[in-house]
Amino acid sequence: MKNRMIQNGLRILAALALTAFSTSSLSAAPNASAYQQPKVVSMETPRYPSEMIAQGIHEGSATIIVELDNAGTMTDWLAISTTRKEFVEAIGAVINTWKFAPALRDGKPVPSGMQFSFNFHSNGYVSYNGVGLYLSFFNGLFNPVEKPLVANISQLDRMPLPLSVAQPFIDSAIPVGSRSGELTLCFFIDQNGNVRMPVLLECKGDIRLAYAAYDAVLKWKFEIPRVKGLPVMVRAQQKFVFSEPAESAPKAGK
C-alpha cells in the first residue's frame, strides 16, 4: 500500500503554544512511558572572559541548547540568548569536552537534547542549570535578561520560503494500519537557511512517523532569514499529516 503525505504550509512563529513532545533528537515527552532524561557525566566549566573584566563587566549569562544522539554524544548546539557574545565564545571553547549519558525510553537509549543556562562571575564562579529540551520548550526558551539570538517573526523582512523539501520516507517496518497520524515539529532555520534542532511538539500516531518527518526536515533548505537585510536565525513550526488510502474494493467475480 502506498502512503500519501499531506503538508500544511510552514508557519514562522514568534512564540509557540506547546503540547506534547517525543523523540529523535526529538527528546521524548517527560510523561512518556519509562522515559529518563539525559544526564551530564562531566562538564569542563567555561572560564570568565578576561576581556570582560578589562571593560569593567563582572557578570553575565548565556543560554544554549544541545542535541544528543542515542549514545549521548553531542551532535549539535546553539546559543539562543546571552548578555554578551563573549560568554557564548567561552562556552564554545570547552563544549566539545562535555560528556553525557543518553536519555532512555523503556530502558533503551534514544536521541534527546538539553538546555543549559550559565551564570558567569568575574571571581571565577560559574553556575549552570540544565533541563531536558521538553521542559525548556514548555517553560519558554529565552532568559528575559539576555539578548535573544533568535529573531522574532515581527522583525523579519519576510518569511523565508522553502527552496527544497524532502518527503518523509515511511519504513516498511511500520505496519499497514499504523501509517496514519498527525505530528508537529519545531525547528530553527539558521543564518544559512539550514534546519537545526528539530523538536517534536506533538505526535498522534506511531512514533516512527515522527522519526520519518524528523529525518526529512533536516534535509530541507530555506531562503536565508533576514532582518534589515542581515542573516538571522528564526524558529519555525511545521505540521505533518500522514494518511493511507482505503483498500480498493474487490472486483466482481474475484
Protein backbone atom coordinates (compact mmCIF):
# COMPACT_ATOMS: atom_id res chain seq x y z
CA MET A 1 0.00 0.00 0.00
CA LYS A 2 1.41 3.35 -0.97
CA ASN A 3 1.24 6.16 1.59
CA ARG A 4 0.48 9.75 0.78
CA MET A 5 1.56 12.61 3.00
CA ILE A 6 -0.23 15.97 3.17
CA GLN A 7 1.75 19.03 4.32
CA ASN A 8 0.31 22.21 5.74
CA GLY A 9 2.13 25.45 4.94
CA LEU A 10 5.16 26.45 7.00
CA ARG A 11 4.42 28.88 9.78
CA ILE A 12 7.16 31.01 11.35
CA LEU A 13 6.37 31.66 14.99
CA ALA A 14 7.30 34.31 17.50
CA ALA A 15 6.05 32.10 20.32
CA LEU A 16 4.83 28.51 20.49
CA ALA A 17 1.81 27.04 22.22
CA LEU A 18 3.30 23.70 23.22
CA THR A 19 1.55 20.46 23.89
CA ALA A 20 3.34 17.09 23.96
CA PHE A 21 6.83 16.10 22.89
CA SER A 22 8.55 12.90 21.75
CA THR A 23 11.89 11.81 20.28
CA SER A 24 14.65 11.50 17.65
CA SER A 25 16.71 14.47 18.53
CA LEU A 26 13.35 14.97 19.15
CA SER A 27 13.57 14.48 23.01
CA ALA A 28 10.89 12.27 24.48
CA ALA A 29 7.99 13.67 26.48
CA PRO A 30 8.56 13.55 30.24
CA ASN A 31 5.25 11.73 30.71
CA ALA A 32 6.24 9.08 28.15
CA SER A 33 6.30 5.54 29.46
CA ALA A 34 9.52 4.77 31.36
CA TYR A 35 11.38 7.79 29.97
CA GLN A 36 14.55 9.06 31.66
CA GLN A 37 16.10 12.41 30.78
CA PRO A 38 19.75 12.56 29.61
CA LYS A 39 22.35 13.34 32.27
CA VAL A 40 25.61 15.25 32.44
CA VAL A 41 28.54 12.90 33.08
CA SER A 42 31.30 15.51 33.04
CA MET A 43 31.49 19.18 32.14
CA GLU A 44 34.52 21.42 31.88
CA THR A 45 33.44 24.79 33.27
CA PRO A 46 33.83 27.71 30.87
CA ARG A 47 36.17 30.48 32.04
CA TYR A 48 35.14 34.06 32.65
CA PRO A 49 36.28 36.10 29.62
CA SER A 50 39.25 38.24 30.68
CA GLU A 51 38.29 40.98 28.23
CA MET A 52 35.05 41.50 30.15
CA ILE A 53 36.99 42.33 33.33
CA ALA A 54 39.10 44.82 31.38
CA GLN A 55 35.86 46.50 30.29
CA GLY A 56 34.55 46.64 33.86
CA ILE A 57 31.93 43.93 33.28
CA HIS A 58 31.89 41.48 36.21
CA GLU A 59 28.95 39.20 35.47
CA GLY A 60 26.93 37.86 32.60
CA SER A 61 24.99 34.86 31.33
CA ALA A 62 24.23 32.74 28.29
CA THR A 63 21.64 30.09 27.38
CA ILE A 64 22.35 27.26 24.96
CA ILE A 65 20.66 24.09 23.75
CA VAL A 66 22.48 20.86 22.85
CA GLU A 67 21.42 17.92 20.70
CA LEU A 68 22.43 14.39 21.74
CA ASP A 69 22.35 11.10 19.84
CA ASN A 70 21.39 7.75 21.33
CA ALA A 71 24.95 7.27 22.61
CA GLY A 72 24.81 10.57 24.49
CA THR A 73 27.24 12.20 22.05
CA MET A 74 26.57 15.86 21.29
CA THR A 75 25.70 16.27 17.60
CA ASP A 76 24.85 19.99 17.54
CA TRP A 77 24.48 23.02 19.78
CA LEU A 78 23.05 26.51 19.52
CA ALA A 79 23.27 29.64 21.65
CA ILE A 80 19.78 31.12 21.88
CA SER A 81 20.38 34.13 24.16
CA THR A 82 23.19 35.89 26.04
CA THR A 83 24.14 39.14 27.72
CA ARG A 84 27.39 39.31 25.70
CA LYS A 85 28.71 37.21 22.81
CA GLU A 86 31.97 36.65 24.73
CA PHE A 87 30.11 34.36 27.15
CA VAL A 88 28.91 32.20 24.24
CA GLU A 89 32.51 32.06 22.96
CA ALA A 90 33.68 30.92 26.43
CA ILE A 91 31.19 28.05 26.32
CA GLY A 92 32.22 27.17 22.76
CA ALA A 93 35.85 26.86 23.88
CA VAL A 94 35.04 23.91 26.19
CA ILE A 95 31.76 22.42 24.99
CA ASN A 96 33.35 19.65 22.91
CA THR A 97 34.82 18.16 26.10
CA TRP A 98 31.42 17.63 27.73
CA LYS A 99 30.15 14.07 28.25
CA PHE A 100 26.56 12.92 28.61
CA ALA A 101 24.60 9.78 29.42
CA PRO A 102 21.83 9.29 26.84
CA ALA A 103 18.13 9.52 27.51
CA LEU A 104 16.33 6.20 27.94
CA ARG A 105 12.91 5.14 26.73
CA ASP A 106 11.73 1.79 28.10
CA GLY A 107 15.34 1.13 29.06
CA LYS A 108 16.72 1.77 25.56
CA PRO A 109 18.92 4.78 24.69
CA VAL A 110 17.26 7.36 22.43
CA PRO A 111 18.30 10.72 20.95
CA SER A 112 17.45 13.73 23.07
CA GLY A 113 18.52 17.25 23.99
CA MET A 114 19.10 19.63 26.90
CA GLN A 115 19.08 23.35 27.61
CA PHE A 116 21.76 24.96 29.78
CA SER A 117 21.72 28.38 31.37
CA PHE A 118 25.14 29.63 32.54
CA ASN A 119 25.77 32.46 35.01
CA PHE A 120 29.29 33.92 34.92
CA HIS A 121 31.04 35.92 37.67
CA SER A 122 34.44 37.59 37.41
CA ASN A 123 35.57 36.00 40.69
CA GLY A 124 35.72 32.72 38.77
CA TYR A 125 32.40 31.33 39.96
CA VAL A 126 30.31 29.88 37.13
CA SER A 127 26.99 28.16 37.77
CA TYR A 128 24.64 26.40 35.38
CA ASN A 129 21.23 24.84 35.26
CA GLY A 130 20.46 22.07 32.80
CA VAL A 131 16.99 20.79 31.87
CA GLY A 132 15.58 18.49 29.21
CA LEU A 133 14.50 20.15 25.98
CA TYR A 134 10.84 19.39 26.58
CA LEU A 135 10.88 21.38 29.82
CA SER A 136 12.75 24.25 28.20
CA PHE A 137 10.24 24.50 25.35
CA PHE A 138 7.33 24.18 27.75
CA ASN A 139 8.62 26.89 30.10
CA GLY A 140 9.95 29.24 27.40
CA LEU A 141 13.40 29.10 25.79
CA PHE A 142 14.73 32.56 26.46
CA ASN A 143 16.14 34.20 29.58
CA PRO A 144 14.38 37.60 29.76
CA VAL A 145 17.53 39.39 30.94
CA GLU A 146 19.53 38.14 27.95
CA LYS A 147 19.56 39.35 24.36
CA PRO A 148 17.79 36.80 22.13
CA LEU A 149 19.95 35.34 19.37
CA VAL A 150 16.84 34.08 17.56
CA ALA A 151 14.83 36.68 15.64
CA ASN A 152 11.19 37.41 16.34
CA ILE A 153 8.73 36.92 13.47
CA SER A 154 7.81 40.59 13.57
CA GLN A 155 11.44 41.52 12.89
CA LEU A 156 11.85 39.51 9.68
CA ASP A 157 11.99 41.29 6.34
CA ARG A 158 9.80 38.45 5.06
CA MET A 159 9.13 34.81 5.89
CA PRO A 160 11.81 32.57 4.33
CA LEU A 161 10.41 30.33 1.60
CA PRO A 162 11.47 26.67 1.29
CA LEU A 163 13.98 26.10 -1.53
CA SER A 164 13.92 22.30 -1.30
CA VAL A 165 11.66 19.97 0.68
CA ALA A 166 12.30 16.24 1.18
CA GLN A 167 9.29 13.98 1.71
CA PRO A 168 9.28 11.65 4.75
CA PHE A 169 10.17 8.04 3.96
CA ILE A 170 7.78 5.55 5.54
CA ASP A 171 9.73 2.49 6.62
CA SER A 172 8.20 -0.87 5.75
CA ALA A 173 8.63 -1.79 9.44
CA ILE A 174 5.65 0.45 10.21
CA PRO A 175 2.71 -1.94 9.79
CA VAL A 176 -0.21 -1.17 7.49
CA GLY A 177 -2.90 0.36 9.65
CA SER A 178 -0.37 2.36 11.69
CA ARG A 179 0.74 4.70 8.92
CA SER A 180 -1.82 7.44 9.59
CA GLY A 181 -1.24 10.20 12.09
CA GLU A 182 -0.52 13.84 12.79
CA LEU A 183 2.55 15.45 14.30
CA THR A 184 4.09 18.87 14.75
CA LEU A 185 7.80 19.63 14.58
CA CYS A 186 9.50 22.80 15.78
CA PHE A 187 12.96 23.67 14.45
CA PHE A 188 15.35 26.53 13.86
CA ILE A 189 16.25 27.95 10.45
CA ASP A 190 19.80 29.24 10.79
CA GLN A 191 21.65 32.08 9.07
CA ASN A 192 22.46 29.80 6.11
CA GLY A 193 18.88 28.61 5.60
CA ASN A 194 19.61 25.19 7.14
CA VAL A 195 17.31 23.36 9.55
CA ARG A 196 18.71 22.87 13.06
CA MET A 197 17.50 21.15 16.22
CA PRO A 198 14.11 19.65 15.25
CA VAL A 199 11.91 19.03 18.29
CA LEU A 200 8.70 17.00 18.28
CA LEU A 201 5.98 19.01 19.99
CA GLU A 202 3.01 16.72 19.38
CA CYS A 203 2.51 13.24 17.94
CA LYS A 204 -0.78 11.46 17.34
CA GLY A 205 0.14 8.10 15.89
CA ASP A 206 3.09 5.73 15.62
CA ILE A 207 6.28 7.39 16.91
CA ARG A 208 8.11 6.09 13.80
CA LEU A 209 6.15 8.59 11.73
CA ALA A 210 7.87 11.29 13.77
CA TYR A 211 11.26 9.75 13.02
CA ALA A 212 10.44 9.86 9.30
CA ALA A 213 9.40 13.52 9.48
CA TYR A 214 12.48 14.38 11.54
CA ASP A 215 14.87 12.79 9.04
CA ALA A 216 13.12 14.58 6.17
CA VAL A 217 13.02 18.05 7.70
CA LEU A 218 16.78 18.01 8.34
CA LYS A 219 17.19 17.89 4.55
CA TRP A 220 15.03 20.94 3.96
CA LYS A 221 16.62 24.16 2.76
CA PHE A 222 15.16 27.66 3.10
CA GLU A 223 15.82 31.14 1.96
CA ILE A 224 18.10 32.88 4.45
CA PRO A 225 16.01 34.59 7.14
CA ARG A 226 16.89 38.29 7.26
CA VAL A 227 16.29 41.35 9.41
CA LYS A 228 17.13 44.62 7.65
CA GLY A 229 18.98 42.56 5.07
CA LEU A 230 21.22 40.78 7.59
CA PRO A 231 21.07 36.97 8.08
CA VAL A 232 19.45 35.82 11.33
CA MET A 233 18.19 32.63 12.95
CA VAL A 234 14.45 32.09 13.43
CA ARG A 235 12.24 29.40 14.91
CA ALA A 236 9.64 27.65 12.75
CA GLN A 237 6.88 25.09 13.19
CA GLN A 238 5.55 22.54 10.70
CA LYS A 239 2.57 20.21 10.94
CA PHE A 240 2.61 16.88 9.09
CA VAL A 241 -0.47 14.81 8.32
CA PHE A 242 0.09 11.20 7.23
CA SER A 243 -2.73 9.14 5.75
CA GLU A 244 -3.05 5.84 3.95
CA PRO A 245 -5.74 5.36 1.30
CA ALA A 246 -8.57 2.92 1.85
CA GLU A 247 -8.18 -0.55 0.36
CA SER A 248 -9.64 -0.85 -3.15
CA ALA A 249 -12.90 -2.74 -3.32
CA PRO A 250 -12.50 -6.23 -4.82
CA LYS A 251 -13.60 -6.56 -8.42
CA ALA A 252 -16.73 -8.54 -9.25
CA GLY A 253 -16.09 -12.22 -9.58
CA LYS A 254 -12.84 -12.07 -7.62
